[in-house]
Protein backbone atom coordinates (compact mmCIF):
# COMPACT_ATOMS: atom_id res chain seq x y z
CA ILE A 1 116.14 37.97 73.04
CA VAL A 2 111.94 38.89 73.70
CA LYS A 3 110.57 37.15 76.67
CA ASP A 4 107.11 36.44 77.03
CA TYR A 5 105.99 37.78 80.54
CA GLU A 6 102.36 37.52 79.94
CA TYR A 7 100.73 34.81 81.82
CA THR A 8 97.10 33.94 80.75
CA LEU A 9 96.46 33.80 77.19
CA SER A 10 93.84 36.33 77.86
CA SER A 11 95.49 38.50 78.68
CA SER A 12 98.14 38.68 76.02
CA VAL A 13 94.81 38.78 73.89
CA ALA A 14 93.67 41.66 75.41
CA TRP A 15 97.62 43.74 74.87
CA LEU A 16 97.17 43.00 71.29
CA TYR A 17 93.67 44.40 70.88
CA LEU A 18 94.59 47.58 72.27
CA ALA A 19 98.54 47.80 70.00
CA ASN A 20 95.31 47.76 66.85
CA ILE A 21 92.84 50.46 68.02
CA GLN A 22 96.12 52.52 68.73
CA MET A 23 97.36 51.80 65.09
CA MET A 24 93.35 52.54 63.76
CA VAL A 25 93.16 55.56 65.59
CA GLN A 26 96.05 57.15 64.80
CA ARG A 27 95.57 56.44 61.38
CA VAL A 28 92.34 57.79 60.81
CA LYS A 29 92.70 60.72 63.14
CA PRO A 30 94.53 62.62 60.03
CA PHE A 31 91.04 62.95 58.65
CA ASN A 32 89.41 64.19 61.36
CA GLN A 33 91.97 67.09 61.48
CA ALA A 34 91.14 68.53 57.54
C-alpha cells in the first residue's frame, strides 16, 4: 500500500519534476560520453 506523504500539491509537483529531470539526464548522458 502506497501512502502519499506530501501535504501540498506544489511539493508533489516538485518531486515529479525532479524525477523527470533525472530520467532525462540519464538518457542524455551516454551521448555525451561517446
